[in-house]
Amino acid sequence: MPDARLQERYDGIVRAAAAKGRVLVAFSGGVDSGLVAKLVHDALGDRALAVIADAETLSRRELETATAEAEEIGIPLRVVPVTELASEEYRRNAADRCYFCRQGLAGVLAGIARREGFAAIADGINASDLGDDRPGIRAMDEAGVWHPLVESGMTKADVRALARALGLSFHDKPSNACLASRIPHGTSVTVDLLRRVEAAEDYVRGRGFRQVRVRHHGPVARIEVPPEDIARLEGIHAEVSAALRSLGYSRTEIDLRGYRSLQ
């Protein structure tokens, strides 16, 4: 590895994982948890396990991508069906929604770890995440989840750089968040809304846009793409509007501020 600083971080996390004996990785298919899965697997081989929660808010596309990434890494992947919408606190979609999601996830992972003898649960939170208001991080902290990227001081840029150096094909995968993040706080999260947003995003992606979010605002769908893609989206606005109208959106708007990854 040409970068000595990245090599040091790689070595440090691999050593720490090896010292724990058996590690379960909270896997999402993003570059952060993917890198953690790679490092833990390098340290432990078949004593590592990646677990992804197959909830209503996980798109089928993201599940397929996560499965392919785990195969690339070589780590065993377990898909565990969960229902976030069973939680009334989650469904009501207040600003602390993510706390209840992560609290439930931590409970599921802790149960697996306890039954199967895993010494630690690792996730992909990195140092760049710590400056934001993230109730989900608080829930994982309360559950005692290990944050190896934070422990090693790795930022998002470091994560992408190390993933690239290790040859991971998903090193430049766009940041993503669960489908519920497209629904404004105060609007109840339902399966119907989640599937509508998923279908809308799948359609826009199918038109050649790699990084997309479709925000649900009642009858209005507001589309975010990177600033450099806005002009191209404007060129097919009428076609996109017609497609999304079939999904129940009477109006489609393009957000001229562009894609914002932390919302």
Protein backbone atom coordinates (compact mmCIF):
# COMPACT_ATOMS: atom_id res chain seq x y z
CA MET A 1 0.00 0.00 0.00
CA PRO A 2 1.67 3.26 -1.13
CA ASP A 3 0.24 5.46 1.64
CA ALA A 4 1.95 4.74 4.97
CA ARG A 5 -0.84 6.46 6.93
CA LEU A 6 -3.50 4.25 5.35
CA GLN A 7 -1.36 1.18 5.94
CA GLU A 8 -1.10 2.12 9.60
CA ARG A 9 -4.88 2.42 9.89
CA TYR A 10 -5.39 -0.85 8.06
CA ASP A 11 -2.95 -2.64 10.35
CA GLY A 12 -4.45 -1.09 13.48
CA ILE A 13 -8.01 -2.13 12.73
CA VAL A 14 -6.98 -5.61 11.62
CA ARG A 15 -5.01 -6.08 14.86
CA ALA A 16 -7.90 -4.84 16.96
CA ALA A 17 -10.36 -7.14 15.20
CA ALA A 18 -8.05 -10.13 15.55
CA ALA A 19 -7.75 -9.47 19.28
CA LYS A 20 -11.54 -9.69 19.67
CA GLY A 21 -11.66 -13.25 18.33
CA ARG A 22 -15.06 -13.20 16.61
CA VAL A 23 -16.74 -10.08 15.20
CA LEU A 24 -20.19 -9.47 13.75
CA VAL A 25 -20.41 -6.55 11.30
CA ALA A 26 -23.55 -4.41 11.02
CA PHE A 27 -23.54 -4.33 7.23
CA SER A 28 -25.48 -1.95 4.98
CA GLY A 29 -23.74 -2.22 1.64
CA GLY A 30 -22.27 1.27 1.94
CA VAL A 31 -18.58 1.94 1.55
CA ASP A 32 -18.10 2.47 5.31
CA SER A 33 -19.53 -0.82 6.57
CA GLY A 34 -18.08 -2.50 3.48
CA LEU A 35 -14.59 -1.40 4.43
CA VAL A 36 -15.11 -2.57 8.01
CA ALA A 37 -16.34 -5.93 6.71
CA LYS A 38 -13.21 -6.22 4.55
CA LEU A 39 -10.84 -5.41 7.42
CA VAL A 40 -12.60 -7.69 9.89
CA HIS A 41 -12.64 -10.50 7.35
CA ASP A 42 -8.94 -9.99 6.62
CA ALA A 43 -8.30 -10.34 10.35
CA LEU A 44 -10.64 -13.21 11.17
CA GLY A 45 -11.71 -15.06 8.05
CA ASP A 46 -14.68 -17.30 8.78
CA ARG A 47 -14.83 -16.00 12.36
CA ALA A 48 -16.37 -12.82 10.93
CA LEU A 49 -19.99 -12.46 9.90
CA ALA A 50 -21.77 -9.59 8.14
CA VAL A 51 -25.44 -9.10 8.97
CA ILE A 52 -27.81 -6.88 7.01
CA ALA A 53 -31.26 -6.03 8.32
CA ASP A 54 -33.84 -6.51 5.58
CA ALA A 55 -36.35 -3.88 6.67
CA GLU A 56 -39.14 -2.08 4.83
CA THR A 57 -36.83 0.91 4.38
CA LEU A 58 -34.13 -1.06 2.53
CA SER A 59 -34.62 -0.93 -1.23
CA ARG A 60 -34.33 -4.15 -3.22
CA ARG A 61 -31.57 -2.52 -5.24
CA GLU A 62 -29.53 -1.82 -2.10
CA LEU A 63 -30.02 -5.39 -0.85
CA GLU A 64 -28.79 -6.79 -4.16
CA THR A 65 -25.80 -4.45 -4.13
CA ALA A 66 -24.93 -5.36 -0.53
CA THR A 67 -25.07 -9.06 -1.36
CA ALA A 68 -22.67 -8.56 -4.27
CA GLU A 69 -20.29 -6.53 -2.12
CA ALA A 70 -20.17 -9.21 0.57
CA GLU A 71 -19.37 -11.78 -2.12
CA GLU A 72 -16.57 -9.54 -3.40
CA ILE A 73 -15.11 -9.23 0.11
CA GLY A 74 -15.54 -12.93 0.83
CA ILE A 75 -17.29 -12.43 4.16
CA PRO A 76 -20.34 -14.57 4.97
CA LEU A 77 -23.53 -12.49 4.83
CA ARG A 78 -26.71 -13.16 6.74
CA VAL A 79 -29.89 -11.36 5.71
CA VAL A 80 -32.17 -10.93 8.72
CA PRO A 81 -35.79 -9.86 8.14
CA VAL A 82 -36.84 -7.08 10.52
CA THR A 83 -39.75 -4.67 10.67
CA GLU A 84 -38.97 -1.12 11.69
CA LEU A 85 -42.60 -0.16 11.21
CA ALA A 86 -43.59 -2.29 14.19
CA SER A 87 -42.30 0.58 16.33
CA GLU A 88 -44.83 3.35 16.86
CA GLU A 89 -42.00 5.77 17.67
CA TYR A 90 -40.38 4.99 14.35
CA ARG A 91 -43.60 5.26 12.33
CA ARG A 92 -44.45 8.69 13.69
CA ASN A 93 -41.24 9.94 12.08
CA ALA A 94 -40.06 12.57 14.52
CA ALA A 95 -36.54 14.00 14.34
CA ASP A 96 -35.26 11.11 16.49
CA ARG A 97 -36.62 8.39 14.17
CA CYS A 98 -33.13 6.97 13.56
CA TYR A 99 -32.67 6.33 17.28
CA PHE A 100 -35.51 3.79 17.29
CA CYS A 101 -34.28 2.17 14.09
CA ARG A 102 -30.78 1.69 15.47
CA GLN A 103 -32.04 0.67 18.87
CA GLY A 104 -34.04 -2.13 17.25
CA LEU A 105 -31.13 -3.12 15.01
CA ALA A 106 -28.73 -3.23 17.94
CA GLY A 107 -31.13 -5.52 19.77
CA VAL A 108 -31.27 -7.93 16.83
CA LEU A 109 -27.49 -7.94 16.40
CA ALA A 110 -26.87 -8.35 20.13
CA GLY A 111 -29.14 -11.39 20.15
CA ILE A 112 -27.17 -13.02 17.33
CA ALA A 113 -23.86 -12.15 18.97
CA ARG A 114 -24.96 -13.56 22.30
CA ARG A 115 -26.34 -16.81 20.87
CA GLU A 116 -23.42 -17.46 18.51
CA GLY A 117 -20.47 -16.29 20.57
CA PHE A 118 -19.40 -13.09 18.82
CA ALA A 119 -17.28 -10.93 21.09
CA ALA A 120 -18.06 -7.62 19.37
CA ILE A 121 -20.43 -5.92 16.98
CA ALA A 122 -18.73 -3.48 14.59
CA ASP A 123 -20.34 -0.81 12.44
CA GLY A 124 -19.23 1.66 9.77
CA ILE A 125 -19.58 4.99 11.56
CA ASN A 126 -16.58 7.16 10.71
CA ALA A 127 -15.09 10.33 12.19
CA SER A 128 -16.88 12.56 9.66
CA ASP A 129 -20.23 11.40 11.05
CA LEU A 130 -19.58 12.72 14.54
CA GLY A 131 -20.22 16.39 13.80
CA ASP A 132 -23.83 15.80 12.81
CA ASP A 133 -26.91 15.29 14.96
CA ARG A 134 -27.19 11.52 14.63
CA PRO A 135 -29.60 9.91 17.13
CA GLY A 136 -28.78 6.57 15.55
CA ILE A 137 -25.17 6.83 16.68
CA ARG A 138 -26.35 7.43 20.24
CA ALA A 139 -28.41 4.23 20.11
CA MET A 140 -25.43 2.21 18.87
CA ASP A 141 -23.20 3.76 21.56
CA GLU A 142 -25.72 2.77 24.22
CA ALA A 143 -25.62 -0.80 22.90
CA GLY A 144 -21.83 -0.93 23.12
CA VAL A 145 -21.22 -1.26 19.37
CA TRP A 146 -17.58 -0.96 18.29
CA HIS A 147 -16.80 1.87 15.84
CA PRO A 148 -13.39 0.83 14.41
CA LEU A 149 -13.25 3.67 11.87
CA VAL A 150 -13.85 6.27 14.57
CA GLU A 151 -11.37 4.57 16.86
CA SER A 152 -8.70 4.90 14.16
CA GLY A 153 -9.67 8.49 13.33
CA MET A 154 -10.74 7.71 9.78
CA THR A 155 -12.81 10.32 7.94
CA LYS A 156 -15.07 9.60 4.97
CA ALA A 157 -12.25 10.61 2.63
CA ASP A 158 -9.91 8.18 4.41
CA VAL A 159 -12.48 5.41 4.09
CA ARG A 160 -12.77 5.90 0.34
CA ALA A 161 -9.00 6.13 -0.04
CA LEU A 162 -8.35 2.91 1.87
CA ALA A 163 -11.18 1.09 0.08
CA ARG A 164 -9.65 2.19 -3.23
CA ALA A 165 -6.18 1.08 -2.15
CA LEU A 166 -7.58 -2.33 -1.23
CA GLY A 167 -9.18 -2.66 -4.67
CA LEU A 168 -12.78 -2.63 -3.49
CA SER A 169 -15.01 -1.93 -6.49
CA PHE A 170 -17.47 0.09 -4.39
CA HIS A 171 -14.89 2.59 -3.06
CA ASP A 172 -16.69 5.44 -4.84
CA LYS A 173 -20.25 4.31 -4.19
CA PRO A 174 -22.46 7.36 -3.51
CA SER A 175 -23.57 7.91 0.07
CA ASN A 176 -27.06 6.69 0.74
CA ALA A 177 -29.62 6.57 3.53
CA CYS A 178 -32.72 4.51 4.16
CA LEU A 179 -35.87 5.22 2.18
CA ALA A 180 -37.56 6.77 5.23
CA SER A 181 -35.13 9.69 4.99
CA ARG A 182 -37.08 10.86 1.92
CA ILE A 183 -40.23 11.37 3.98
CA PRO A 184 -40.39 14.65 5.93
CA HIS A 185 -40.46 14.52 9.70
CA GLY A 186 -44.00 14.51 10.99
CA THR A 187 -45.36 12.50 8.06
CA SER A 188 -45.98 8.92 9.13
CA VAL A 189 -43.80 6.29 7.51
CA THR A 190 -45.85 3.66 5.73
CA VAL A 191 -45.05 0.78 3.40
CA ASP A 192 -46.99 2.50 0.60
CA LEU A 193 -44.89 5.67 0.81
CA LEU A 194 -41.65 3.72 0.98
CA ARG A 195 -42.49 1.65 -2.08
CA ARG A 196 -43.58 4.77 -3.97
CA VAL A 197 -40.30 6.52 -3.25
CA GLU A 198 -38.33 3.40 -4.15
CA ALA A 199 -40.13 3.07 -7.50
CA ALA A 200 -39.58 6.75 -8.28
CA GLU A 201 -35.85 6.53 -7.55
CA ASP A 202 -35.52 3.33 -9.55
CA TYR A 203 -37.11 5.05 -12.54
CA VAL A 204 -34.81 8.09 -12.37
CA ARG A 205 -31.75 5.86 -11.93
CA GLY A 206 -32.88 3.87 -14.93
CA ARG A 207 -32.63 7.07 -16.97
CA GLY A 208 -28.89 7.13 -16.34
CA PHE A 209 -28.51 9.01 -13.05
CA ARG A 210 -26.22 7.28 -10.58
CA GLN A 211 -26.90 9.47 -7.54
CA VAL A 212 -30.59 10.18 -6.91
CA ARG A 213 -32.99 11.02 -4.14
CA VAL A 214 -36.69 11.56 -4.55
CA ARG A 215 -38.19 13.50 -1.63
CA HIS A 216 -41.83 12.86 -0.83
CA HIS A 217 -43.84 16.02 -0.14
CA GLY A 218 -47.44 14.85 -0.30
CA PRO A 219 -48.49 15.12 -3.96
CA VAL A 220 -45.10 16.55 -4.92
CA ALA A 221 -41.95 14.56 -5.71
CA ARG A 222 -38.79 16.64 -5.41
CA ILE A 223 -35.81 15.11 -7.17
CA GLU A 224 -32.20 15.64 -6.13
CA VAL A 225 -29.29 14.78 -8.41
CA PRO A 226 -25.72 16.13 -8.32
CA PRO A 227 -25.45 19.73 -9.61
CA GLU A 228 -23.62 18.61 -12.74
CA ASP A 229 -26.59 16.37 -13.66
CA ILE A 230 -29.36 18.93 -13.17
CA ALA A 231 -29.35 20.22 -16.75
CA ARG A 232 -29.63 16.69 -18.12
CA LEU A 233 -32.55 15.96 -15.79
CA GLU A 234 -34.26 19.18 -16.83
CA GLY A 235 -34.04 17.97 -20.43
CA ILE A 236 -36.28 14.98 -19.66
CA HIS A 237 -38.40 16.64 -16.96
CA ALA A 238 -41.65 16.09 -18.84
CA GLU A 239 -41.01 12.37 -19.26
CA VAL A 240 -39.98 11.96 -15.64
CA SER A 241 -43.06 13.86 -14.48
CA ALA A 242 -45.31 11.56 -16.50
CA ALA A 243 -43.66 8.47 -15.04
CA LEU A 244 -43.92 9.71 -11.48
CA ARG A 245 -47.52 10.79 -12.05
CA SER A 246 -48.31 7.12 -12.55
CA LEU A 247 -46.93 6.53 -9.04
CA GLY A 248 -49.27 9.10 -7.50
CA TYR A 249 -47.25 12.32 -7.69
CA SER A 250 -49.26 15.07 -9.35
CA ARG A 251 -46.21 17.32 -9.62
CA THR A 252 -42.50 16.68 -9.96
CA GLU A 253 -39.90 19.30 -9.10
CA ILE A 254 -36.13 19.35 -9.58
CA ASP A 255 -34.23 20.64 -6.57
CA LEU A 256 -31.81 23.17 -8.01
CA ARG A 257 -29.61 22.95 -4.90
CA GLY A 258 -28.66 19.44 -5.95
CA TYR A 259 -28.08 16.22 -4.07
CA ARG A 260 -27.42 16.52 -0.32
CA SER A 261 -26.01 13.33 1.13
CA LEU A 262 -26.57 13.94 4.85
CA GLN A 263 -30.33 14.43 4.75
